[in-house]
Amino acid sequence: MDAVTGSGRSAAVQEAIERLLVEADVAYRILRHDPVRTAEDAAAARGLPLSHGVKTLVLRVDDGFLLLALPADLSLSSRALRRGL
């Protein structure tokens, strides 16, 4: 179990996101904080605006998974996403 993320699976997701960011040459920094339930809570813990964070979603698609990283101040319509897939 990972002390920061709460599970080994979460740590694997974080590593995958970091790898994608590095491969795409995207500048980023990681700010660690206690576990929170919402993007709003995470922004408050970081002391930064919600728009400065990223929320990640892992969705089951057909027989695989889709990893999404969205600006934390945006929301995703699962209905619109299903129509687009």
PDB file of N, CA and C in Angstrom:
ATOM      1  N   MET A   1       0.843  -1.188   0.000  1.00  0.00           N
ATOM      2  CA  MET A   1       0.000   0.000   0.000  1.00  0.00           C
ATOM      3  C   MET A   1       0.884   1.246   0.000  1.00  0.00           C
ATOM      4  N   ASP A   2       0.533   2.226  -0.761  1.00  0.00           N
ATOM      5  CA  ASP A   2       1.272   3.476  -0.870  1.00  0.00           C
ATOM      6  C   ASP A   2       0.771   4.463   0.176  1.00  0.00           C
ATOM      7  N   ALA A   3       1.657   5.028   0.961  1.00  0.00           N
ATOM      8  CA  ALA A   3       1.262   5.924   2.052  1.00  0.00           C
ATOM      9  C   ALA A   3       0.653   7.220   1.549  1.00  0.00           C
ATOM     10  N   VAL A   4       1.036   7.667   0.374  1.00  0.00           N
ATOM     11  CA  VAL A   4       0.524   8.944  -0.136  1.00  0.00           C
ATOM     12  C   VAL A   4      -0.813   8.761  -0.817  1.00  0.00           C
ATOM     13  N   THR A   5      -0.925   7.762  -1.674  1.00  0.00           N
ATOM     14  CA  THR A   5      -2.136   7.614  -2.475  1.00  0.00           C
ATOM     15  C   THR A   5      -3.145   6.676  -1.861  1.00  0.00           C
ATOM     16  N   GLY A   6      -2.715   5.813  -0.948  1.00  0.00           N
ATOM     17  CA  GLY A   6      -3.651   4.931  -0.289  1.00  0.00           C
ATOM     18  C   GLY A   6      -3.716   3.529  -0.855  1.00  0.00           C
ATOM     19  N   SER A   7      -3.155   3.308  -2.032  1.00  0.00           N
ATOM     20  CA  SER A   7      -3.160   1.946  -2.568  1.00  0.00           C
ATOM     21  C   SER A   7      -2.078   1.797  -3.618  1.00  0.00           C
ATOM     22  N   GLY A   8      -1.658   0.569  -3.806  1.00  0.00           N
ATOM     23  CA  GLY A   8      -0.672   0.281  -4.835  1.00  0.00           C
ATOM     24  C   GLY A   8      -1.186   0.602  -6.222  1.00  0.00           C
ATOM     25  N   ARG A   9      -2.487   0.369  -6.456  1.00  0.00           N
ATOM     26  CA  ARG A   9      -3.079   0.662  -7.759  1.00  0.00           C
ATOM     27  C   ARG A   9      -3.033   2.156  -8.050  1.00  0.00           C
ATOM     28  N   SER A  10      -3.318   2.971  -7.047  1.00  0.00           N
ATOM     29  CA  SER A  10      -3.252   4.426  -7.229  1.00  0.00           C
ATOM     30  C   SER A  10      -1.836   4.865  -7.557  1.00  0.00           C
ATOM     31  N   ALA A  11      -0.868   4.250  -6.918  1.00  0.00           N
ATOM     32  CA  ALA A  11       0.528   4.583  -7.201  1.00  0.00           C
ATOM     33  C   ALA A  11       0.872   4.248  -8.653  1.00  0.00           C
ATOM     34  N   ALA A  12       0.357   3.128  -9.149  1.00  0.00           N
ATOM     35  CA  ALA A  12       0.609   2.742 -10.537  1.00  0.00           C
ATOM     36  C   ALA A  12      -0.014   3.744 -11.505  1.00  0.00           C
ATOM     37  N   VAL A  13      -1.196   4.233 -11.184  1.00  0.00           N
ATOM     38  CA  VAL A  13      -1.853   5.241 -12.019  1.00  0.00           C
ATOM     39  C   VAL A  13      -1.018   6.519 -12.020  1.00  0.00           C
ATOM     40  N   GLN A  14      -0.564   6.932 -10.835  1.00  0.00           N
ATOM     41  CA  GLN A  14       0.269   8.137 -10.752  1.00  0.00           C
ATOM     42  C   GLN A  14       1.539   7.977 -11.586  1.00  0.00           C
ATOM     43  N   GLU A  15       2.181   6.829 -11.504  1.00  0.00           N
ATOM     44  CA  GLU A  15       3.392   6.586 -12.292  1.00  0.00           C
ATOM     45  C   GLU A  15       3.093   6.647 -13.787  1.00  0.00           C
ATOM     46  N   ALA A  16       1.960   6.105 -14.208  1.00  0.00           N
ATOM     47  CA  ALA A  16       1.585   6.139 -15.624  1.00  0.00           C
ATOM     48  C   ALA A  16       1.372   7.576 -16.088  1.00  0.00           C
ATOM     49  N   ILE A  17       0.729   8.383 -15.253  1.00  0.00           N
ATOM     50  CA  ILE A  17       0.497   9.784 -15.607  1.00  0.00           C
ATOM     51  C   ILE A  17       1.819  10.530 -15.703  1.00  0.00           C
ATOM     52  N   GLU A  18       2.692  10.315 -14.729  1.00  0.00           N
ATOM     53  CA  GLU A  18       4.000  10.981 -14.760  1.00  0.00           C
ATOM     54  C   GLU A  18       4.779  10.591 -16.012  1.00  0.00           C
ATOM     55  N   ARG A  19       4.745   9.311 -16.373  1.00  0.00           N
ATOM     56  CA  ARG A  19       5.448   8.845 -17.571  1.00  0.00           C
ATOM     57  C   ARG A  19       4.908   9.542 -18.821  1.00  0.00           C
ATOM     58  N   LEU A  20       3.577   9.667 -18.921  1.00  0.00           N
ATOM     59  CA  LEU A  20       2.977  10.349 -20.077  1.00  0.00           C
ATOM     60  C   LEU A  20       3.376  11.819 -20.129  1.00  0.00           C
ATOM     61  N   LEU A  21       3.410  12.464 -18.975  1.00  0.00           N
ATOM     62  CA  LEU A  21       3.807  13.874 -18.927  1.00  0.00           C
ATOM     63  C   LEU A  21       5.254  14.056 -19.385  1.00  0.00           C
ATOM     64  N   VAL A  22       6.131  13.186 -18.910  1.00  0.00           N
ATOM     65  CA  VAL A  22       7.545  13.259 -19.292  1.00  0.00           C
ATOM     66  C   VAL A  22       7.699  13.005 -20.788  1.00  0.00           C
ATOM     67  N   GLU A  23       7.022  11.980 -21.289  1.00  0.00           N
ATOM     68  CA  GLU A  23       7.111  11.653 -22.722  1.00  0.00           C
ATOM     69  C   GLU A  23       6.603  12.792 -23.595  1.00  0.00           C
ATOM     70  N   ALA A  24       5.606  13.524 -23.112  1.00  0.00           N
ATOM     71  CA  ALA A  24       5.036  14.647 -23.881  1.00  0.00           C
ATOM     72  C   ALA A  24       5.762  15.953 -23.599  1.00  0.00           C
ATOM     73  N   ASP A  25       6.820  15.895 -22.783  1.00  0.00           N
ATOM     74  CA  ASP A  25       7.613  17.076 -22.427  1.00  0.00           C
ATOM     75  C   ASP A  25       6.754  18.176 -21.806  1.00  0.00           C
ATOM     76  N   VAL A  26       5.845  17.776 -20.906  1.00  0.00           N
ATOM     77  CA  VAL A  26       4.957  18.705 -20.200  1.00  0.00           C
ATOM     78  C   VAL A  26       5.587  19.045 -18.854  1.00  0.00           C
ATOM     79  N   ALA A  27       5.689  20.336 -18.573  1.00  0.00           N
ATOM     80  CA  ALA A  27       6.211  20.773 -17.272  1.00  0.00           C
ATOM     81  C   ALA A  27       5.143  20.523 -16.208  1.00  0.00           C
ATOM     82  N   TYR A  28       5.546  19.972 -15.079  1.00  0.00           N
ATOM     83  CA  TYR A  28       4.603  19.717 -13.987  1.00  0.00           C
ATOM     84  C   TYR A  28       5.372  19.664 -12.682  1.00  0.00           C
ATOM     85  N   ARG A  29       4.626  19.747 -11.590  1.00  0.00           N
ATOM     86  CA  ARG A  29       5.204  19.505 -10.272  1.00  0.00           C
ATOM     87  C   ARG A  29       4.157  18.789  -9.437  1.00  0.00           C
ATOM     88  N   ILE A  30       4.630  18.003  -8.512  1.00  0.00           N
ATOM     89  CA  ILE A  30       3.745  17.226  -7.657  1.00  0.00           C
ATOM     90  C   ILE A  30       3.746  17.856  -6.275  1.00  0.00           C
ATOM     91  N   LEU A  31       2.555  18.163  -5.789  1.00  0.00           N
ATOM     92  CA  LEU A  31       2.385  18.700  -4.445  1.00  0.00           C
ATOM     93  C   LEU A  31       1.671  17.632  -3.620  1.00  0.00           C
ATOM     94  N   ARG A  32       2.297  17.160  -2.592  1.00  0.00           N
ATOM     95  CA  ARG A  32       1.716  16.096  -1.762  1.00  0.00           C
ATOM     96  C   ARG A  32       0.904  16.706  -0.619  1.00  0.00           C
ATOM     97  N   HIS A  33      -0.197  16.037  -0.291  1.00  0.00           N
ATOM     98  CA  HIS A  33      -1.046  16.463   0.821  1.00  0.00           C
ATOM     99  C   HIS A  33      -1.781  15.246   1.351  1.00  0.00           C
ATOM    100  N   ASP A  34      -2.429  15.414   2.477  1.00  0.00           N
ATOM    101  CA  ASP A  34      -3.207  14.315   3.048  1.00  0.00           C
ATOM    102  C   ASP A  34      -4.316  13.916   2.082  1.00  0.00           C
ATOM    103  N   PRO A  35      -4.796  12.691   2.187  1.00  0.00           N
ATOM    104  CA  PRO A  35      -5.892  12.245   1.308  1.00  0.00           C
ATOM    105  C   PRO A  35      -7.122  13.146   1.433  1.00  0.00           C
ATOM    106  N   VAL A  36      -7.747  13.389   0.300  1.00  0.00           N
ATOM    107  CA  VAL A  36      -8.967  14.202   0.235  1.00  0.00           C
ATOM    108  C   VAL A  36      -9.969  13.490  -0.659  1.00  0.00           C
ATOM    109  N   ARG A  37     -11.218  13.937  -0.612  1.00  0.00           N
ATOM    110  CA  ARG A  37     -12.269  13.277  -1.400  1.00  0.00           C
ATOM    111  C   ARG A  37     -12.598  14.000  -2.703  1.00  0.00           C
ATOM    112  N   THR A  38     -12.385  15.303  -2.767  1.00  0.00           N
ATOM    113  CA  THR A  38     -12.789  16.054  -3.954  1.00  0.00           C
ATOM    114  C   THR A  38     -11.634  16.903  -4.472  1.00  0.00           C
ATOM    115  N   ALA A  39     -11.759  17.319  -5.730  1.00  0.00           N
ATOM    116  CA  ALA A  39     -10.769  18.223  -6.317  1.00  0.00           C
ATOM    117  C   ALA A  39     -10.755  19.551  -5.565  1.00  0.00           C
ATOM    118  N   GLU A  40     -11.916  19.982  -5.098  1.00  0.00           N
ATOM    119  CA  GLU A  40     -11.998  21.229  -4.330  1.00  0.00           C
ATOM    120  C   GLU A  40     -11.220  21.118  -3.027  1.00  0.00           C
ATOM    121  N   ASP A  41     -11.346  19.958  -2.360  1.00  0.00           N
ATOM    122  CA  ASP A  41     -10.598  19.729  -1.124  1.00  0.00           C
ATOM    123  C   ASP A  41      -9.094  19.702  -1.397  1.00  0.00           C
ATOM    124  N   ALA A  42      -8.698  19.115  -2.505  1.00  0.00           N
ATOM    125  CA  ALA A  42      -7.277  19.058  -2.869  1.00  0.00           C
ATOM    126  C   ALA A  42      -6.733  20.460  -3.126  1.00  0.00           C
ATOM    127  N   ALA A  43      -7.506  21.283  -3.827  1.00  0.00           N
ATOM    128  CA  ALA A  43      -7.064  22.658  -4.085  1.00  0.00           C
ATOM    129  C   ALA A  43      -6.881  23.419  -2.779  1.00  0.00           C
ATOM    130  N   ALA A  44      -7.803  23.243  -1.854  1.00  0.00           N
ATOM    131  CA  ALA A  44      -7.692  23.913  -0.560  1.00  0.00           C
ATOM    132  C   ALA A  44      -6.458  23.427   0.194  1.00  0.00           C
ATOM    133  N   ALA A  45      -6.189  22.116   0.136  1.00  0.00           N
ATOM    134  CA  ALA A  45      -5.016  21.557   0.816  1.00  0.00           C
ATOM    135  C   ALA A  45      -3.720  22.084   0.213  1.00  0.00           C
ATOM    136  N   ARG A  46      -3.721  22.334  -1.091  1.00  0.00           N
ATOM    137  CA  ARG A  46      -2.533  22.859  -1.771  1.00  0.00           C
ATOM    138  C   ARG A  46      -2.412  24.361  -1.616  1.00  0.00           C
ATOM    139  N   GLY A  47      -3.514  25.025  -1.278  1.00  0.00           N
ATOM    140  CA  GLY A  47      -3.500  26.479  -1.202  1.00  0.00           C
ATOM    141  C   GLY A  47      -3.432  27.136  -2.568  1.00  0.00           C
ATOM    142  N   LEU A  48      -3.999  26.468  -3.561  1.00  0.00           N
ATOM    143  CA  LEU A  48      -3.982  26.968  -4.938  1.00  0.00           C
ATOM    144  C   LEU A  48      -5.390  26.955  -5.506  1.00  0.00           C
ATOM    145  N   PRO A  49      -5.625  27.741  -6.557  1.00  0.00           N
ATOM    146  CA  PRO A  49      -6.948  27.705  -7.197  1.00  0.00           C
ATOM    147  C   PRO A  49      -7.231  26.314  -7.776  1.00  0.00           C
ATOM    148  N   LEU A  50      -8.480  25.976  -7.841  1.00  0.00           N
ATOM    149  CA  LEU A  50      -8.905  24.698  -8.393  1.00  0.00           C
ATOM    150  C   LEU A  50      -8.355  24.492  -9.803  1.00  0.00           C
ATOM    151  N   SER A  51      -8.291  25.538 -10.586  1.00  0.00           N
ATOM    152  CA  SER A  51      -7.838  25.453 -11.979  1.00  0.00           C
ATOM    153  C   SER A  51      -6.363  25.066 -12.108  1.00  0.00           C
ATOM    154  N   HIS A  52      -5.607  25.109 -11.020  1.00  0.00           N
ATOM    155  CA  HIS A  52      -4.188  24.749 -11.071  1.00  0.00           C
ATOM    156  C   HIS A  52      -3.954  23.260 -10.845  1.00  0.00           C
ATOM    157  N   GLY A  53      -5.015  22.520 -10.607  1.00  0.00           N
ATOM    158  CA  GLY A  53      -4.872  21.098 -10.339  1.00  0.00           C
ATOM    159  C   GLY A  53      -5.394  20.243 -11.476  1.00  0.00           C
ATOM    160  N   VAL A  54      -5.132  18.963 -11.356  1.00  0.00           N
ATOM    161  CA  VAL A  54      -5.594  17.984 -12.332  1.00  0.00           C
ATOM    162  C   VAL A  54      -6.324  16.885 -11.586  1.00  0.00           C
ATOM    163  N   LYS A  55      -7.449  16.481 -12.141  1.00  0.00           N
ATOM    164  CA  LYS A  55      -8.113  15.304 -11.579  1.00  0.00           C
ATOM    165  C   LYS A  55      -7.998  14.182 -12.593  1.00  0.00           C
ATOM    166  N   THR A  56      -7.819  12.996 -12.081  1.00  0.00           N
ATOM    167  CA  THR A  56      -7.664  11.850 -12.961  1.00  0.00           C
ATOM    168  C   THR A  56      -8.864  10.926 -12.814  1.00  0.00           C
ATOM    169  N   LEU A  57      -9.250  10.365 -13.920  1.00  0.00           N
ATOM    170  CA  LEU A  57     -10.358   9.419 -13.953  1.00  0.00           C
ATOM    171  C   LEU A  57      -9.897   8.180 -14.703  1.00  0.00           C
ATOM    172  N   VAL A  58     -10.224   7.035 -14.174  1.00  0.00           N
ATOM    173  CA  VAL A  58      -9.959   5.775 -14.852  1.00  0.00           C
ATOM    174  C   VAL A  58     -11.320   5.170 -15.170  1.00  0.00           C
ATOM    175  N   LEU A  59     -11.573   4.985 -16.462  1.00  0.00           N
ATOM    176  CA  LEU A  59     -12.864   4.482 -16.915  1.00  0.00           C
ATOM    177  C   LEU A  59     -12.696   3.133 -17.596  1.00  0.00           C
ATOM    178  N   ARG A  60     -13.647   2.244 -17.344  1.00  0.00           N
ATOM    179  CA  ARG A  60     -13.653   0.959 -18.032  1.00  0.00           C
ATOM    180  C   ARG A  60     -14.293   1.188 -19.402  1.00  0.00           C
ATOM    181  N   VAL A  61     -13.582   0.815 -20.445  1.00  0.00           N
ATOM    182  CA  VAL A  61     -14.061   0.980 -21.818  1.00  0.00           C
ATOM    183  C   VAL A  61     -13.902  -0.356 -22.526  1.00  0.00           C
ATOM    184  N   ASP A  62     -15.029  -0.907 -22.973  1.00  0.00           N
ATOM    185  CA  ASP A  62     -15.029  -2.217 -23.625  1.00  0.00           C
ATOM    186  C   ASP A  62     -14.281  -3.213 -22.739  1.00  0.00           C
ATOM    187  N   ASP A  63     -13.172  -3.749 -23.245  1.00  0.00           N
ATOM    188  CA  ASP A  63     -12.421  -4.729 -22.456  1.00  0.00           C
ATOM    189  C   ASP A  63     -11.114  -4.150 -21.924  1.00  0.00           C
ATOM    190  N   GLY A  64     -11.058  -2.827 -21.814  1.00  0.00           N
ATOM    191  CA  GLY A  64      -9.853  -2.172 -21.309  1.00  0.00           C
ATOM    192  C   GLY A  64     -10.199  -0.988 -20.432  1.00  0.00           C
ATOM    193  N   PHE A  65      -9.227  -0.120 -20.231  1.00  0.00           N
ATOM    194  CA  PHE A  65      -9.416   1.063 -19.403  1.00  0.00           C
ATOM    195  C   PHE A  65      -8.932   2.293 -20.140  1.00  0.00           C
ATOM    196  N   LEU A  66      -9.524   3.427 -19.795  1.00  0.00           N
ATOM    197  CA  LEU A  66      -9.150   4.721 -20.352  1.00  0.00           C
ATOM    198  C   LEU A  66      -8.732   5.608 -19.198  1.00  0.00           C
ATOM    199  N   LEU A  67      -7.547   6.165 -19.274  1.00  0.00           N
ATOM    200  CA  LEU A  67      -7.037   7.058 -18.246  1.00  0.00           C
ATOM    201  C   LEU A  67      -7.183   8.495 -18.732  1.00  0.00           C
ATOM    202  N   LEU A  68      -7.912   9.312 -17.987  1.00  0.00           N
ATOM    203  CA  LEU A  68      -8.115  10.711 -18.341  1.00  0.00           C
ATOM    204  C   LEU A  68      -7.503  11.604 -17.276  1.00  0.00           C
ATOM    205  N   ALA A  69      -6.874  12.664 -17.712  1.00  0.00           N
ATOM    206  CA  ALA A  69      -6.381  13.696 -16.806  1.00  0.00           C
ATOM    207  C   ALA A  69      -7.024  15.000 -17.259  1.00  0.00           C
ATOM    208  N   LEU A  70      -7.854  15.575 -16.389  1.00  0.00           N
ATOM    209  CA  LEU A  70      -8.618  16.777 -16.734  1.00  0.00           C
ATOM    210  C   LEU A  70      -8.232  17.931 -15.822  1.00  0.00           C
ATOM    211  N   PRO A  71      -8.313  19.161 -16.324  1.00  0.00           N
ATOM    212  CA  PRO A  71      -8.168  20.291 -15.404  1.00  0.00           C
ATOM    213  C   PRO A  71      -9.197  20.142 -14.281  1.00  0.00           C
ATOM    214  N   ALA A  72      -8.774  20.370 -13.062  1.00  0.00           N
ATOM    215  CA  ALA A  72      -9.618  20.086 -11.896  1.00  0.00           C
ATOM    216  C   ALA A  72     -10.879  20.932 -11.845  1.00  0.00           C
ATOM    217  N   ASP A  73     -10.892  22.065 -12.535  1.00  0.00           N
ATOM    218  CA  ASP A  73     -12.075  22.920 -12.488  1.00  0.00           C
ATOM    219  C   ASP A  73     -13.102  22.573 -13.565  1.00  0.00           C
ATOM    220  N   LEU A  74     -12.841  21.516 -14.339  1.00  0.00           N
ATOM    221  CA  LEU A  74     -13.794  21.079 -15.359  1.00  0.00           C
ATOM    222  C   LEU A  74     -14.500  19.819 -14.898  1.00  0.00           C
ATOM    223  N   SER A  75     -15.643  19.561 -15.500  1.00  0.00           N
ATOM    224  CA  SER A  75     -16.362  18.325 -15.193  1.00  0.00           C
ATOM    225  C   SER A  75     -16.517  17.525 -16.483  1.00  0.00           C
ATOM    226  N   LEU A  76     -16.821  16.267 -16.328  1.00  0.00           N
ATOM    227  CA  LEU A  76     -16.968  15.377 -17.467  1.00  0.00           C
ATOM    228  C   LEU A  76     -18.381  14.827 -17.481  1.00  0.00           C
ATOM    229  N   SER A  77     -19.026  14.921 -18.616  1.00  0.00           N
ATOM    230  CA  SER A  77     -20.338  14.320 -18.789  1.00  0.00           C
ATOM    231  C   SER A  77     -20.128  12.886 -19.252  1.00  0.00           C
ATOM    232  N   SER A  78     -20.435  11.931 -18.384  1.00  0.00           N
ATOM    233  CA  SER A  78     -20.240  10.531 -18.775  1.00  0.00           C
ATOM    234  C   SER A  78     -21.153  10.166 -19.937  1.00  0.00           C
ATOM    235  N   ARG A  79     -22.315  10.760 -20.020  1.00  0.00           N
ATOM    236  CA  ARG A  79     -23.217  10.504 -21.143  1.00  0.00           C
ATOM    237  C   ARG A  79     -22.593  10.982 -22.459  1.00  0.00           C
ATOM    238  N   ALA A  80     -22.030  12.183 -22.462  1.00  0.00           N
ATOM    239  CA  ALA A  80     -21.390  12.704 -23.678  1.00  0.00           C
ATOM    240  C   ALA A  80     -20.157  11.872 -24.033  1.00  0.00           C
ATOM    241  N   LEU A  81     -19.429  11.441 -23.026  1.00  0.00           N
ATOM    242  CA  LEU A  81     -18.251  10.614 -23.274  1.00  0.00           C
ATOM    243  C   LEU A  81     -18.656   9.294 -23.911  1.00  0.00           C
ATOM    244  N   ARG A  82     -19.705   8.653 -23.389  1.00  0.00           N
ATOM    245  CA  ARG A  82     -20.170   7.385 -23.971  1.00  0.00           C
ATOM    246  C   ARG A  82     -20.585   7.572 -25.436  1.00  0.00           C
ATOM    247  N   ARG A  83     -21.244   8.696 -25.722  1.00  0.00           N
ATOM    248  CA  ARG A  83     -21.656   8.957 -27.118  1.00  0.00           C
ATOM    249  C   ARG A  83     -20.422   9.133 -28.013  1.00  0.00           C
ATOM    250  N   GLY A  84     -19.366   9.756 -27.468  1.00  0.00           N
ATOM    251  CA  GLY A  84     -18.159  10.003 -28.247  1.00  0.00           C
ATOM    252  C   GLY A  84     -17.279   8.782 -28.445  1.00  0.00           C
ATOM    253  N   LEU A  85     -17.458   7.794 -27.584  1.00  0.00           N
ATOM    254  CA  LEU A  85     -16.644   6.577 -27.721  1.00  0.00           C
ATOM    255  C   LEU A  85     -17.382   5.635 -28.590  1.00  0.00           C
TER     256      LEU A  85
END
